[in-house]
N, C-alpha and C. Protein backbone atom coordinates (compact mmCIF):
# COMPACT_ATOMS: atom_id res chain seq x y z
N MET A 1 0.94 -1.17 0.26
CA MET A 1 0.06 -0.24 -0.05
C MET A 1 0.88 1.18 -0.20
N PRO A 2 0.47 2.21 -0.90
CA PRO A 2 1.26 3.57 -0.89
C PRO A 2 1.38 4.01 0.39
N HIS A 3 2.59 4.80 0.75
CA HIS A 3 2.74 5.91 1.60
C HIS A 3 1.59 7.06 1.69
N PRO A 4 0.95 7.41 2.33
CA PRO A 4 -0.09 8.35 2.55
C PRO A 4 0.47 9.52 1.66
N ASP A 5 1.75 10.12 2.19
CA ASP A 5 2.40 11.21 1.31
C ASP A 5 2.73 11.01 -0.12
N THR A 6 2.75 9.81 -0.84
CA THR A 6 3.11 9.63 -2.14
C THR A 6 1.64 9.02 -2.86
N ALA A 7 0.83 9.00 -2.22
CA ALA A 7 -0.47 8.55 -3.09
C ALA A 7 -0.90 10.01 -3.93
N PRO A 8 -1.37 9.46 -5.17
CA PRO A 8 -1.87 10.47 -5.99
C PRO A 8 -2.75 11.14 -5.87
N PRO A 9 -2.49 12.56 -5.93
CA PRO A 9 -3.86 13.45 -5.36
C PRO A 9 -5.08 13.18 -5.76
N ILE A 10 -6.28 13.68 -5.24
CA ILE A 10 -7.77 13.53 -5.95
C ILE A 10 -7.89 14.69 -6.32
N VAL A 11 -8.20 14.82 -7.62
CA VAL A 11 -8.14 16.65 -8.26
C VAL A 11 -10.00 16.51 -8.31
N ARG A 12 -10.48 17.45 -8.02
CA ARG A 12 -11.71 18.14 -8.18
C ARG A 12 -11.95 18.98 -9.11
N SER A 13 -13.14 18.91 -9.97
CA SER A 13 -13.71 19.76 -11.13
C SER A 13 -14.48 21.16 -10.52
N PHE A 14 -14.73 22.02 -11.27
CA PHE A 14 -15.26 23.12 -10.95
C PHE A 14 -16.83 23.04 -10.81
N PRO A 15 -17.67 23.99 -10.52
CA PRO A 15 -18.91 23.99 -10.82
C PRO A 15 -19.21 24.61 -12.11
N PRO A 16 -20.26 24.08 -12.63
CA PRO A 16 -20.36 24.63 -14.24
C PRO A 16 -20.92 26.15 -14.45
N ILE A 17 -20.38 26.40 -15.73
CA ILE A 17 -20.40 27.72 -16.16
C ILE A 17 -21.73 27.77 -16.69
N SER A 18 -22.87 28.28 -16.64
CA SER A 18 -24.33 27.84 -16.98
C SER A 18 -25.13 28.90 -16.69
N ALA A 19 -26.48 29.09 -17.56
CA ALA A 19 -27.72 29.69 -17.02
C ALA A 19 -28.71 28.60 -17.44
N PRO A 20 -29.78 28.88 -16.33
CA PRO A 20 -30.95 27.49 -17.17
C PRO A 20 -31.23 28.02 -18.05
N ASP A 21 -30.97 28.74 -18.92
CA ASP A 21 -31.53 28.59 -20.91
C ASP A 21 -30.44 28.27 -21.46
N ALA A 22 -29.20 27.56 -21.25
CA ALA A 22 -28.35 27.06 -21.91
C ALA A 22 -29.03 26.14 -23.04
N ARG A 23 -28.36 26.36 -24.03
CA ARG A 23 -28.88 24.96 -25.17
C ARG A 23 -27.45 24.35 -25.54
N ILE A 24 -26.27 24.64 -25.47
CA ILE A 24 -25.17 23.89 -25.53
C ILE A 24 -24.55 23.99 -24.39
N LEU A 25 -23.81 22.42 -24.17
CA LEU A 25 -23.00 21.78 -23.18
C LEU A 25 -21.73 21.49 -23.82
N ILE A 26 -20.48 22.25 -23.19
CA ILE A 26 -19.27 21.64 -23.82
C ILE A 26 -18.83 21.20 -22.41
N LEU A 27 -18.26 19.91 -22.58
CA LEU A 27 -17.64 19.09 -21.59
C LEU A 27 -16.48 18.69 -21.84
N GLY A 28 -15.54 18.87 -21.04
CA GLY A 28 -14.21 18.39 -21.07
C GLY A 28 -14.21 17.12 -19.77
N SER A 29 -13.02 16.44 -19.60
CA SER A 29 -12.92 15.42 -18.65
C SER A 29 -12.89 16.16 -17.45
N MET A 30 -11.78 16.81 -17.12
CA MET A 30 -11.07 17.22 -15.69
C MET A 30 -10.32 18.39 -16.20
N PRO A 31 -10.39 19.61 -15.20
CA PRO A 31 -9.25 20.32 -15.47
C PRO A 31 -8.01 20.20 -15.28
N GLY A 32 -7.00 20.72 -16.16
CA GLY A 32 -5.59 20.33 -15.97
C GLY A 32 -5.18 21.21 -14.73
N GLU A 33 -3.73 20.88 -14.38
CA GLU A 33 -3.02 21.66 -13.51
C GLU A 33 -3.24 23.24 -13.69
N ALA A 34 -3.07 23.70 -14.88
CA ALA A 34 -3.12 25.10 -14.69
C ALA A 34 -4.37 25.53 -14.41
N SER A 35 -5.29 24.87 -14.97
CA SER A 35 -6.84 25.50 -14.58
C SER A 35 -7.27 25.34 -13.14
N LEU A 36 -6.82 24.17 -12.39
CA LEU A 36 -6.81 23.87 -11.46
C LEU A 36 -6.45 25.40 -10.29
N THR A 37 -5.07 25.71 -10.57
CA THR A 37 -4.25 26.50 -9.85
C THR A 37 -4.99 28.14 -9.89
N ALA A 38 -5.36 28.27 -11.53
CA ALA A 38 -6.10 29.39 -11.98
C ALA A 38 -7.77 29.59 -11.15
N GLY A 39 -8.17 28.34 -11.05
CA GLY A 39 -9.76 28.59 -10.92
C GLY A 39 -10.28 28.91 -11.86
N GLN A 40 -9.88 28.52 -13.12
CA GLN A 40 -10.49 28.71 -14.36
C GLN A 40 -10.77 27.67 -15.40
N TYR A 41 -11.78 27.47 -16.09
CA TYR A 41 -11.71 26.27 -17.16
C TYR A 41 -10.83 26.98 -18.24
N TYR A 42 -9.88 25.91 -18.60
CA TYR A 42 -9.14 26.07 -19.98
C TYR A 42 -8.26 27.23 -19.92
N ALA A 43 -7.26 27.02 -18.67
CA ALA A 43 -6.29 28.34 -18.09
C ALA A 43 -4.93 28.02 -18.89
N HIS A 44 -4.52 26.90 -19.33
CA HIS A 44 -3.36 26.57 -19.84
C HIS A 44 -3.19 27.74 -21.29
N PRO A 45 -2.22 28.23 -21.14
CA PRO A 45 -1.96 29.25 -22.19
C PRO A 45 -1.90 28.54 -23.54
N HIS A 46 -1.77 27.29 -23.76
CA HIS A 46 -1.37 26.84 -25.06
C HIS A 46 -2.71 25.65 -25.41
N ASN A 47 -4.06 25.81 -24.34
CA ASN A 47 -4.97 25.45 -24.72
C ASN A 47 -6.12 26.15 -25.76
N VAL A 48 -6.45 25.72 -26.95
CA VAL A 48 -7.08 26.78 -27.38
C VAL A 48 -8.69 26.87 -27.80
N PHE A 49 -9.06 26.20 -26.47
CA PHE A 49 -10.45 26.45 -26.10
C PHE A 49 -10.71 28.08 -26.26
N TRP A 50 -10.33 28.93 -25.47
CA TRP A 50 -11.03 30.34 -25.53
C TRP A 50 -10.68 31.02 -26.69
N ARG A 51 -9.50 30.42 -27.71
CA ARG A 51 -9.32 30.96 -28.86
C ARG A 51 -10.66 30.75 -29.65
N ILE A 52 -11.14 29.23 -29.85
CA ILE A 52 -11.99 28.89 -30.56
C ILE A 52 -13.13 29.84 -30.00
N MET A 53 -13.55 30.03 -28.77
CA MET A 53 -14.73 30.54 -28.30
C MET A 53 -14.53 32.14 -28.82
N GLY A 54 -13.84 32.56 -28.77
CA GLY A 54 -13.50 34.05 -29.21
C GLY A 54 -13.68 34.04 -30.68
N GLU A 55 -13.64 32.85 -31.48
CA GLU A 55 -13.77 32.97 -33.22
C GLU A 55 -14.95 32.89 -33.28
N ILE A 56 -15.84 32.06 -32.40
CA ILE A 56 -17.11 31.39 -32.58
C ILE A 56 -18.10 32.43 -31.91
N VAL A 57 -18.20 33.16 -30.74
CA VAL A 57 -18.98 33.95 -30.31
C VAL A 57 -18.29 34.93 -29.49
N GLY A 58 -16.98 35.50 -29.59
CA GLY A 58 -16.50 36.83 -29.00
C GLY A 58 -15.94 36.53 -27.80
N ALA A 59 -15.94 35.28 -27.17
CA ALA A 59 -15.32 35.18 -25.72
C ALA A 59 -13.42 34.84 -25.90
N SER A 60 -13.30 36.23 -26.58
CA SER A 60 -11.67 36.20 -26.68
C SER A 60 -10.84 35.69 -25.56
N PRO A 61 -9.91 35.01 -25.59
CA PRO A 61 -8.82 35.03 -24.36
C PRO A 61 -8.41 36.25 -23.82
N ASP A 62 -8.31 37.29 -24.80
CA ASP A 62 -7.95 38.78 -23.98
C ASP A 62 -8.81 39.27 -23.28
N LEU A 63 -9.91 38.99 -22.94
CA LEU A 63 -11.11 39.37 -21.90
C LEU A 63 -10.65 38.74 -20.87
N PRO A 64 -11.22 39.39 -19.61
CA PRO A 64 -11.14 38.75 -18.54
C PRO A 64 -12.03 37.66 -18.61
N TYR A 65 -11.76 36.79 -17.71
CA TYR A 65 -12.18 35.44 -17.51
C TYR A 65 -13.74 35.55 -17.32
N ARG A 66 -13.97 36.49 -16.18
CA ARG A 66 -15.46 36.61 -15.54
C ARG A 66 -16.13 37.23 -17.21
N LYS A 67 -15.66 38.25 -17.88
CA LYS A 67 -16.36 38.53 -18.98
C LYS A 67 -16.48 37.23 -19.93
N ARG A 68 -15.58 36.37 -20.37
CA ARG A 68 -15.65 35.58 -21.20
C ARG A 68 -16.77 34.34 -20.91
N THR A 69 -17.05 34.48 -19.40
CA THR A 69 -17.93 33.39 -19.03
C THR A 69 -19.22 33.73 -19.25
N GLU A 70 -19.46 35.22 -19.07
CA GLU A 70 -20.75 35.90 -19.28
C GLU A 70 -21.18 35.97 -21.18
N VAL A 71 -20.31 35.99 -21.63
CA VAL A 71 -20.32 36.07 -23.21
C VAL A 71 -20.84 34.35 -23.25
N LEU A 72 -20.23 33.53 -22.75
CA LEU A 72 -20.72 32.25 -23.30
C LEU A 72 -22.00 31.93 -22.74
N ARG A 73 -22.65 32.86 -21.68
CA ARG A 73 -23.81 32.35 -20.83
C ARG A 73 -24.50 33.16 -21.89
N ALA A 74 -24.29 34.21 -22.28
CA ALA A 74 -25.21 35.22 -23.31
C ALA A 74 -25.65 34.26 -24.30
N HIS A 75 -24.84 33.29 -25.12
CA HIS A 75 -24.80 32.74 -26.19
C HIS A 75 -25.60 31.63 -26.13
N GLY A 76 -25.99 31.32 -24.86
CA GLY A 76 -26.46 29.72 -24.53
C GLY A 76 -25.72 28.85 -24.45
N ILE A 77 -24.30 28.88 -24.09
CA ILE A 77 -23.41 27.75 -23.76
C ILE A 77 -23.21 27.71 -22.52
N ALA A 78 -23.10 26.48 -21.93
CA ALA A 78 -22.42 25.99 -20.76
C ALA A 78 -21.29 25.04 -20.97
N VAL A 79 -20.60 25.10 -19.91
CA VAL A 79 -18.87 24.56 -19.64
C VAL A 79 -19.17 23.86 -18.48
N TRP A 80 -18.78 22.43 -18.77
CA TRP A 80 -18.71 21.63 -17.31
C TRP A 80 -17.53 20.47 -17.92
N ASP A 81 -17.63 19.56 -16.81
CA ASP A 81 -16.79 18.41 -16.83
C ASP A 81 -17.48 17.48 -16.52
N VAL A 82 -16.83 16.18 -17.41
CA VAL A 82 -17.77 15.02 -17.28
C VAL A 82 -17.68 14.41 -15.67
N LEU A 83 -16.16 14.73 -15.39
CA LEU A 83 -15.95 14.13 -13.69
C LEU A 83 -15.84 15.30 -13.08
N LYS A 84 -16.64 14.70 -11.66
CA LYS A 84 -16.59 15.88 -10.15
C LYS A 84 -15.08 15.53 -9.67
N SER A 85 -14.55 14.35 -9.83
CA SER A 85 -13.26 14.02 -9.17
C SER A 85 -12.53 12.90 -10.01
N CYS A 86 -11.55 12.80 -9.67
CA CYS A 86 -10.72 11.49 -9.98
C CYS A 86 -9.30 11.71 -9.60
N VAL A 87 -8.74 10.44 -9.63
CA VAL A 87 -7.30 10.48 -9.01
C VAL A 87 -6.32 10.79 -10.67
N ARG A 88 -5.67 11.48 -10.58
CA ARG A 88 -4.85 11.88 -11.61
C ARG A 88 -3.58 12.72 -10.97
N PRO A 89 -2.37 11.79 -11.59
CA PRO A 89 -0.98 12.80 -11.43
C PRO A 89 -0.80 13.41 -12.51
N GLY A 90 -0.47 14.55 -12.27
CA GLY A 90 -0.26 15.65 -13.65
C GLY A 90 -1.34 16.09 -14.36
N SER A 91 -1.51 16.40 -15.59
CA SER A 91 -2.62 16.76 -16.34
C SER A 91 -3.01 15.98 -17.29
N LEU A 92 -2.32 15.04 -17.62
CA LEU A 92 -2.74 14.07 -18.94
C LEU A 92 -4.00 13.36 -18.94
N ASP A 93 -5.16 13.28 -19.33
CA ASP A 93 -5.95 12.33 -19.36
C ASP A 93 -5.63 10.93 -19.22
N SER A 94 -4.69 10.76 -20.00
CA SER A 94 -4.76 9.14 -19.96
C SER A 94 -4.15 8.89 -18.35
N ASN A 95 -3.81 9.46 -17.33
CA ASN A 95 -3.69 9.32 -16.05
C ASN A 95 -4.60 9.26 -15.19
N ILE A 96 -5.80 9.47 -15.88
CA ILE A 96 -6.95 9.50 -14.84
C ILE A 96 -7.54 8.25 -14.46
N ARG A 97 -7.93 8.17 -13.33
CA ARG A 97 -8.63 6.95 -12.91
C ARG A 97 -9.45 7.24 -11.57
N ASP A 98 -10.02 5.99 -10.73
CA ASP A 98 -11.17 6.29 -10.11
C ASP A 98 -11.91 7.44 -10.05
N GLU A 99 -12.53 7.41 -11.58
CA GLU A 99 -13.32 8.40 -11.97
C GLU A 99 -14.89 8.36 -11.01
N VAL A 100 -15.27 9.63 -10.83
CA VAL A 100 -16.53 9.90 -9.95
C VAL A 100 -17.01 11.36 -10.83
N PRO A 101 -18.34 10.72 -11.32
CA PRO A 101 -19.06 11.80 -12.38
C PRO A 101 -20.10 12.57 -11.85
N ASN A 102 -19.98 13.91 -12.11
CA ASN A 102 -20.75 14.71 -11.97
C ASN A 102 -22.21 14.18 -12.25
N ASP A 103 -23.24 15.14 -11.40
CA ASP A 103 -24.85 14.77 -11.22
C ASP A 103 -25.44 15.32 -12.41
N PHE A 104 -25.46 14.43 -13.43
CA PHE A 104 -25.92 14.69 -14.84
C PHE A 104 -27.36 14.41 -14.78
N ALA A 105 -28.16 13.47 -13.87
CA ALA A 105 -29.38 13.53 -14.04
C ALA A 105 -30.18 14.99 -13.73
N ARG A 106 -29.33 15.66 -12.64
CA ARG A 106 -29.98 16.62 -12.12
C ARG A 106 -29.24 18.07 -13.18
N PHE A 107 -28.13 17.85 -13.53
CA PHE A 107 -28.02 18.92 -14.43
C PHE A 107 -29.01 18.98 -15.84
N PHE A 108 -29.36 17.73 -16.48
CA PHE A 108 -30.34 17.85 -17.45
C PHE A 108 -31.39 18.25 -17.13
N ALA A 109 -32.15 17.99 -15.98
CA ALA A 109 -33.54 18.27 -15.60
C ALA A 109 -33.34 19.83 -15.38
N ASP A 110 -32.12 20.49 -14.79
CA ASP A 110 -31.96 21.71 -14.43
C ASP A 110 -32.10 22.66 -15.88
N HIS A 111 -31.60 22.13 -17.02
CA HIS A 111 -31.50 22.71 -18.14
C HIS A 111 -32.13 22.17 -19.11
N PRO A 112 -33.74 22.35 -19.24
CA PRO A 112 -34.50 21.59 -20.16
C PRO A 112 -34.07 22.16 -21.97
N GLN A 113 -33.47 23.13 -21.63
CA GLN A 113 -33.51 23.59 -23.51
C GLN A 113 -32.16 23.04 -23.75
N LEU A 114 -31.43 22.42 -23.12
CA LEU A 114 -30.09 21.85 -24.22
C LEU A 114 -30.72 21.41 -25.35
N THR A 115 -29.87 21.32 -26.75
CA THR A 115 -30.02 20.66 -27.80
C THR A 115 -28.61 20.05 -28.30
N HIS A 116 -27.60 20.45 -27.71
CA HIS A 116 -26.31 19.96 -28.27
C HIS A 116 -25.39 19.97 -27.13
N ILE A 117 -24.73 18.74 -27.10
CA ILE A 117 -23.44 18.45 -26.02
C ILE A 117 -22.54 18.44 -26.88
N GLY A 118 -21.32 19.24 -26.37
CA GLY A 118 -20.03 18.82 -27.42
C GLY A 118 -18.95 18.45 -26.16
N LEU A 119 -18.34 17.39 -26.81
CA LEU A 119 -17.26 16.67 -25.63
C LEU A 119 -15.84 16.70 -26.52
N ASN A 120 -15.24 17.66 -25.36
CA ASN A 120 -14.22 18.13 -25.56
C ASN A 120 -12.93 17.00 -25.34
N GLY A 121 -12.87 16.24 -26.55
CA GLY A 121 -11.67 15.32 -26.73
C GLY A 121 -12.19 13.92 -26.41
N GLY A 122 -11.34 12.99 -26.49
CA GLY A 122 -11.53 11.57 -26.32
C GLY A 122 -11.96 11.30 -25.22
N LYS A 123 -10.95 11.33 -24.13
CA LYS A 123 -11.11 11.05 -22.61
C LYS A 123 -12.80 11.85 -22.09
N ALA A 124 -13.28 13.02 -22.41
CA ALA A 124 -14.60 13.45 -22.31
C ALA A 124 -15.48 12.91 -22.96
N ALA A 125 -15.26 12.07 -24.13
CA ALA A 125 -16.20 11.23 -24.86
C ALA A 125 -16.41 10.20 -24.22
N ALA A 126 -15.39 9.09 -24.21
CA ALA A 126 -15.24 7.97 -23.42
C ALA A 126 -16.05 8.17 -21.79
N SER A 127 -15.49 9.16 -20.92
CA SER A 127 -16.09 8.93 -19.93
C SER A 127 -17.71 9.64 -19.79
N PHE A 128 -18.30 10.06 -20.94
CA PHE A 128 -19.34 10.73 -20.84
C PHE A 128 -20.09 9.38 -21.15
N LYS A 129 -19.88 8.48 -22.19
CA LYS A 129 -20.33 7.86 -22.67
C LYS A 129 -20.35 6.35 -21.34
N ARG A 130 -19.60 6.36 -20.69
CA ARG A 130 -19.73 5.30 -19.53
C ARG A 130 -20.38 5.80 -18.60
N HIS A 131 -20.41 6.98 -17.91
CA HIS A 131 -21.12 7.52 -16.75
C HIS A 131 -22.41 8.44 -17.02
N ALA A 132 -22.45 9.29 -18.34
CA ALA A 132 -23.47 10.08 -18.21
C ALA A 132 -24.50 9.97 -19.47
N ALA A 133 -24.04 9.09 -20.25
CA ALA A 133 -24.97 9.03 -21.55
C ALA A 133 -26.33 8.73 -21.21
N ARG A 134 -26.46 7.68 -20.30
CA ARG A 134 -28.04 7.16 -20.11
C ARG A 134 -29.02 8.19 -19.40
N HIS A 135 -28.13 9.30 -18.92
CA HIS A 135 -28.95 10.23 -18.48
C HIS A 135 -29.49 11.11 -19.42
N CYS A 136 -28.74 11.20 -20.54
CA CYS A 136 -28.97 12.35 -21.66
C CYS A 136 -30.29 12.41 -22.16
N PRO A 137 -31.24 13.54 -22.39
CA PRO A 137 -32.71 13.64 -22.94
C PRO A 137 -32.28 12.76 -24.28
N PRO A 138 -33.31 12.52 -25.17
CA PRO A 138 -33.06 11.73 -26.52
C PRO A 138 -32.83 12.83 -27.22
N HIS A 139 -33.54 14.13 -27.27
CA HIS A 139 -33.34 15.01 -28.40
C HIS A 139 -32.13 15.71 -28.34
N VAL A 140 -31.24 15.59 -27.50
CA VAL A 140 -30.18 16.49 -27.27
C VAL A 140 -28.75 15.50 -28.21
N ILE A 141 -28.19 16.32 -29.06
CA ILE A 141 -27.36 15.96 -30.06
C ILE A 141 -25.93 15.96 -29.43
N VAL A 142 -25.17 14.80 -29.18
CA VAL A 142 -23.87 14.61 -28.68
C VAL A 142 -22.97 14.41 -29.90
N THR A 143 -21.69 15.30 -29.63
CA THR A 143 -20.64 15.43 -30.92
C THR A 143 -19.17 15.29 -30.00
N ALA A 144 -18.22 14.14 -30.42
CA ALA A 144 -17.04 14.47 -29.69
C ALA A 144 -16.58 15.18 -30.75
N LEU A 145 -15.93 16.24 -30.13
CA LEU A 145 -14.93 17.10 -30.64
C LEU A 145 -13.16 17.00 -30.91
N PRO A 146 -12.57 17.55 -31.56
CA PRO A 146 -11.37 17.63 -31.35
C PRO A 146 -11.19 18.15 -29.94
N SER A 147 -9.83 17.56 -29.66
CA SER A 147 -9.48 18.37 -28.17
C SER A 147 -8.90 19.67 -28.59
N THR A 148 -9.22 20.67 -27.48
CA THR A 148 -8.54 21.68 -27.76
C THR A 148 -7.33 21.68 -26.69
N SER A 149 -6.73 20.72 -26.19
CA SER A 149 -5.66 20.42 -25.49
C SER A 149 -4.27 20.74 -26.08
N PRO A 150 -3.10 21.27 -25.76
CA PRO A 150 -1.89 21.57 -26.26
C PRO A 150 -0.94 20.14 -26.43
N ALA A 151 -1.81 19.04 -25.74
CA ALA A 151 -1.28 17.73 -26.30
C ALA A 151 -1.78 16.99 -27.45
N HIS A 152 -2.70 17.71 -28.03
CA HIS A 152 -3.28 17.17 -29.17
C HIS A 152 -3.37 18.16 -30.35
N ALA A 153 -2.12 18.02 -31.26
CA ALA A 153 -1.92 19.13 -32.34
C ALA A 153 -2.17 18.63 -33.41
N ALA A 154 -2.91 17.34 -33.49
CA ALA A 154 -2.82 17.20 -34.81
C ALA A 154 -3.89 17.83 -35.78
N ARG A 155 -4.62 18.74 -35.48
CA ARG A 155 -5.31 19.56 -36.33
C ARG A 155 -4.98 20.91 -36.20
N THR A 156 -5.16 21.68 -37.22
CA THR A 156 -4.79 22.98 -37.31
C THR A 156 -5.97 23.56 -36.64
N PHE A 157 -5.72 24.95 -35.86
CA PHE A 157 -6.64 25.53 -35.39
C PHE A 157 -7.87 26.04 -35.78
N ALA A 158 -7.50 26.26 -37.64
CA ALA A 158 -8.66 26.76 -38.54
C ALA A 158 -9.57 25.31 -38.45
N GLU A 159 -8.77 24.21 -38.56
CA GLU A 159 -10.01 23.13 -38.76
C GLU A 159 -10.58 22.85 -37.40
N LYS A 160 -10.10 22.74 -36.42
CA LYS A 160 -10.63 22.75 -34.94
C LYS A 160 -11.85 23.77 -34.82
N CYS A 161 -11.33 24.89 -35.46
CA CYS A 161 -12.38 26.09 -34.96
C CYS A 161 -13.88 25.69 -36.05
N ALA A 162 -13.61 25.14 -37.23
CA ALA A 162 -14.47 25.03 -38.05
C ALA A 162 -15.28 23.76 -37.84
N LEU A 163 -14.77 22.63 -37.02
CA LEU A 163 -15.54 21.42 -36.66
C LEU A 163 -16.26 21.81 -35.33
N TRP A 164 -15.86 22.65 -34.85
CA TRP A 164 -16.57 23.05 -33.34
C TRP A 164 -17.77 23.69 -33.67
N ARG A 165 -17.54 24.83 -34.76
CA ARG A 165 -18.83 25.89 -35.01
C ARG A 165 -20.00 24.97 -35.82
N ALA A 166 -19.55 23.82 -36.29
CA ALA A 166 -20.39 23.23 -37.49
C ALA A 166 -20.95 22.37 -36.50
N ALA A 167 -20.43 21.21 -35.26
CA ALA A 167 -20.78 20.33 -34.73
C ALA A 167 -21.85 21.40 -33.68
N LEU A 168 -21.59 22.44 -33.04
CA LEU A 168 -22.66 23.01 -32.18
C LEU A 168 -23.50 23.88 -32.87
N GLN A 169 -23.54 23.94 -34.24
CA GLN A 169 -24.31 24.49 -34.77
C GLN A 169 -24.45 26.32 -34.40
N ILE A 170 -23.34 26.66 -34.39
CA ILE A 170 -23.11 28.22 -33.85
C ILE A 170 -22.70 28.91 -34.81
N GLU A 171 -23.57 30.12 -35.95
CA GLU A 171 -23.14 30.95 -36.53
C GLU A 171 -22.05 31.70 -36.13
N ARG A 172 -21.28 32.62 -36.89
CA ARG A 172 -20.10 33.24 -36.96
C ARG A 172 -20.86 34.59 -36.21
N SER A 173 -19.98 34.73 -35.36
CA SER A 173 -20.74 36.10 -34.57
C SER A 173 -20.13 37.71 -35.02
């Protein structure tokens, strides 16, 4: 049994960024170390989430964090993570274990206008399928999206932006 001082830490996600009238829910797996330290979603400077949101709805990374979250809410976009907590040494999704999901039955009940869910990366998609899909209302379209993480640079920024916009059916602002 590992010594208590060497056991990997349990990490916990943030409350959702959401409004009751949200139509789109973007789900990550679990905030990385930079985000946990900053207390902000997608805080790693090389994560392109906020650049994509800047292009799509004007929630540019140049804006203060609070303003970016207001812009998302105003556009009917909620942000959360599939996992409420997990054990994860470091920031890599591949290191996640002992997953505890967020309460999706309640979230979906509290957000009846949801029409789309975008899953930010493969781990979010796999964890959603395992823990939350059974709670998803049948009319909601669920789409696995290319990860915005700096660890996943197989697509260009322009390609990611176009895929995110099309999947979430967001017109250029």
